[in-house]
Amino acid sequence: MANHSKLSDSEKYELIMKLLRKEATASELSRQYQVSEPTIGRWRDDFLDGGKQRLSVRRNKENSSELKRLKVELAEHKQLIGEYAFANDFLKKRLDSSI
């Protein structure tokens, strides 16, 4: 069974920031916080992946607003096509009945 760290989230954050700022090596932090180096590596990767995901969310929000605008525009175009089709059918029937 895996050992679970007793470090708080803020302690993990502090550890990862020290690593990323190169204030200490992974082996130094491992000894200081009594956490294995692979665990520190996993935390670092999770931290960086979280940052990537956050940036992606912002981009997705921008894409979402553009998608909503395009859906509204598409609905307007469908409405116009329907109106033109109705007018076209009406004019065809008037023309057929006058012949």
C-alpha atoms as a PDB file:
ATOM      1  CA  MET A   1       0.000   0.000   0.000  1.00  0.00           C
ATOM      2  CA  ALA A   2       1.337   3.482  -0.870  1.00  0.00           C
ATOM      3  CA  ASN A   3       2.407   5.891   1.823  1.00  0.00           C
ATOM      4  CA  HIS A   4       0.436   9.106   1.742  1.00  0.00           C
ATOM      5  CA  SER A   5       2.118  12.404   2.482  1.00  0.00           C
ATOM      6  CA  LYS A   6       1.051  14.273   5.553  1.00  0.00           C
ATOM      7  CA  LEU A   7       1.952  17.582   3.957  1.00  0.00           C
ATOM      8  CA  SER A   8      -0.766  20.173   3.577  1.00  0.00           C
ATOM      9  CA  ASP A   9      -1.587  21.592   0.169  1.00  0.00           C
ATOM     10  CA  SER A  10       0.197  24.834   1.077  1.00  0.00           C
ATOM     11  CA  GLU A  11       3.317  22.885   2.092  1.00  0.00           C
ATOM     12  CA  LYS A  12       3.227  20.970  -1.190  1.00  0.00           C
ATOM     13  CA  TYR A  13       2.856  24.276  -3.047  1.00  0.00           C
ATOM     14  CA  GLU A  14       5.814  25.738  -1.151  1.00  0.00           C
ATOM     15  CA  LEU A  15       7.900  22.649  -1.945  1.00  0.00           C
ATOM     16  CA  ILE A  16       7.032  22.762  -5.669  1.00  0.00           C
ATOM     17  CA  MET A  17       7.729  26.486  -5.885  1.00  0.00           C
ATOM     18  CA  LYS A  18      11.151  25.986  -4.278  1.00  0.00           C
ATOM     19  CA  LEU A  19      11.857  23.287  -6.847  1.00  0.00           C
ATOM     20  CA  LEU A  20      10.693  25.387  -9.801  1.00  0.00           C
ATOM     21  CA  ARG A  21      12.628  28.446  -8.608  1.00  0.00           C
ATOM     22  CA  LYS A  22      15.670  26.178  -8.230  1.00  0.00           C
ATOM     23  CA  GLU A  23      16.071  27.214  -4.602  1.00  0.00           C
ATOM     24  CA  ALA A  24      16.652  23.544  -3.776  1.00  0.00           C
ATOM     25  CA  THR A  25      17.091  20.254  -5.614  1.00  0.00           C
ATOM     26  CA  ALA A  26      14.545  17.459  -5.515  1.00  0.00           C
ATOM     27  CA  SER A  27      16.872  15.399  -3.329  1.00  0.00           C
ATOM     28  CA  GLU A  28      17.280  18.277  -0.852  1.00  0.00           C
ATOM     29  CA  LEU A  29      13.535  18.810  -0.702  1.00  0.00           C
ATOM     30  CA  SER A  30      13.006  15.079  -0.361  1.00  0.00           C
ATOM     31  CA  ARG A  31      15.121  15.030   2.786  1.00  0.00           C
ATOM     32  CA  GLN A  32      13.699  18.281   4.161  1.00  0.00           C
ATOM     33  CA  TYR A  33      10.048  17.309   3.725  1.00  0.00           C
ATOM     34  CA  GLN A  34      10.548  13.550   4.110  1.00  0.00           C
ATOM     35  CA  VAL A  35       8.936  12.796   0.768  1.00  0.00           C
ATOM     36  CA  SER A  36      10.350  10.598  -1.991  1.00  0.00           C
ATOM     37  CA  GLU A  37      11.823  12.184  -5.098  1.00  0.00           C
ATOM     38  CA  PRO A  38       9.359  10.387  -7.409  1.00  0.00           C
ATOM     39  CA  THR A  39       6.509  11.843  -5.344  1.00  0.00           C
ATOM     40  CA  ILE A  40       7.981  15.319  -5.711  1.00  0.00           C
ATOM     41  CA  GLY A  41       8.287  14.745  -9.461  1.00  0.00           C
ATOM     42  CA  ARG A  42       4.656  13.652  -9.657  1.00  0.00           C
ATOM     43  CA  TRP A  43       3.515  16.710  -7.680  1.00  0.00           C
ATOM     44  CA  ARG A  44       5.551  18.973  -9.975  1.00  0.00           C
ATOM     45  CA  ASP A  45       4.025  17.370 -13.077  1.00  0.00           C
ATOM     46  CA  ASP A  46       0.498  17.598 -11.621  1.00  0.00           C
ATOM     47  CA  PHE A  47       1.100  21.247 -10.735  1.00  0.00           C
ATOM     48  CA  LEU A  48       2.300  22.098 -14.242  1.00  0.00           C
ATOM     49  CA  ASP A  49      -0.527  20.111 -15.869  1.00  0.00           C
ATOM     50  CA  GLY A  50      -3.013  22.046 -13.744  1.00  0.00           C
ATOM     51  CA  GLY A  51      -1.592  25.289 -15.096  1.00  0.00           C
ATOM     52  CA  LYS A  52      -1.953  24.043 -18.661  1.00  0.00           C
ATOM     53  CA  GLN A  53      -5.542  23.000 -17.997  1.00  0.00           C
ATOM     54  CA  ARG A  54      -6.354  26.404 -16.517  1.00  0.00           C
ATOM     55  CA  LEU A  55      -5.025  28.150 -19.594  1.00  0.00           C
ATOM     56  CA  SER A  56      -7.042  25.776 -21.766  1.00  0.00           C
ATOM     57  CA  VAL A  57     -10.220  26.600 -19.817  1.00  0.00           C
ATOM     58  CA  ARG A  58      -9.770  30.285 -20.601  1.00  0.00           C
ATOM     59  CA  ARG A  59      -9.340  29.494 -24.295  1.00  0.00           C
ATOM     60  CA  ASN A  60     -12.386  27.218 -24.201  1.00  0.00           C
ATOM     61  CA  LYS A  61     -14.459  30.034 -22.668  1.00  0.00           C
ATOM     62  CA  GLU A  62     -13.425  32.311 -25.516  1.00  0.00           C
ATOM     63  CA  ASN A  63     -14.271  29.579 -28.023  1.00  0.00           C
ATOM     64  CA  SER A  64     -17.579  29.000 -26.261  1.00  0.00           C
ATOM     65  CA  SER A  65     -18.674  32.624 -26.645  1.00  0.00           C
ATOM     66  CA  GLU A  66     -17.707  32.526 -30.330  1.00  0.00           C
ATOM     67  CA  LEU A  67     -19.646  29.270 -30.724  1.00  0.00           C
ATOM     68  CA  LYS A  68     -22.737  30.834 -29.127  1.00  0.00           C
ATOM     69  CA  ARG A  69     -22.510  33.813 -31.482  1.00  0.00           C
ATOM     70  CA  LEU A  70     -22.226  31.505 -34.484  1.00  0.00           C
ATOM     71  CA  LYS A  71     -25.216  29.446 -33.335  1.00  0.00           C
ATOM     72  CA  VAL A  72     -27.337  32.602 -33.098  1.00  0.00           C
ATOM     73  CA  GLU A  73     -26.181  33.653 -36.560  1.00  0.00           C
ATOM     74  CA  LEU A  74     -26.984  30.194 -37.932  1.00  0.00           C
ATOM     75  CA  ALA A  75     -30.479  30.307 -36.418  1.00  0.00           C
ATOM     76  CA  GLU A  76     -31.069  33.690 -38.067  1.00  0.00           C
ATOM     77  CA  HIS A  77     -29.941  32.306 -41.420  1.00  0.00           C
ATOM     78  CA  LYS A  78     -32.194  29.266 -41.051  1.00  0.00           C
ATOM     79  CA  GLN A  79     -35.092  31.608 -40.339  1.00  0.00           C
ATOM     80  CA  LEU A  80     -34.366  33.605 -43.487  1.00  0.00           C
ATOM     81  CA  ILE A  81     -34.078  30.443 -45.588  1.00  0.00           C
ATOM     82  CA  GLY A  82     -37.437  29.292 -44.251  1.00  0.00           C
ATOM     83  CA  GLU A  83     -39.039  32.620 -45.085  1.00  0.00           C
ATOM     84  CA  TYR A  84     -37.580  32.564 -48.613  1.00  0.00           C
ATOM     85  CA  ALA A  85     -38.733  28.960 -49.141  1.00  0.00           C
ATOM     86  CA  PHE A  86     -42.249  29.882 -47.993  1.00  0.00           C
ATOM     87  CA  ALA A  87     -42.351  32.932 -50.291  1.00  0.00           C
ATOM     88  CA  ASN A  88     -41.020  30.845 -53.189  1.00  0.00           C
ATOM     89  CA  ASP A  89     -43.711  28.168 -52.703  1.00  0.00           C
ATOM     90  CA  PHE A  90     -46.380  30.856 -52.431  1.00  0.00           C
ATOM     91  CA  LEU A  91     -45.256  32.504 -55.662  1.00  0.00           C
ATOM     92  CA  LYS A  92     -45.093  29.137 -57.471  1.00  0.00           C
ATOM     93  CA  LYS A  93     -48.697  28.337 -56.431  1.00  0.00           C
ATOM     94  CA  ARG A  94     -49.892  31.782 -57.554  1.00  0.00           C
ATOM     95  CA  LEU A  95     -48.129  31.333 -60.867  1.00  0.00           C
ATOM     96  CA  ASP A  96     -49.546  27.805 -61.364  1.00  0.00           C
ATOM     97  CA  SER A  97     -53.084  28.928 -60.557  1.00  0.00           C
ATOM     98  CA  SER A  98     -52.930  31.832 -63.008  1.00  0.00           C
ATOM     99  CA  ILE A  99     -51.937  29.621 -65.929  1.00  0.00           C
END
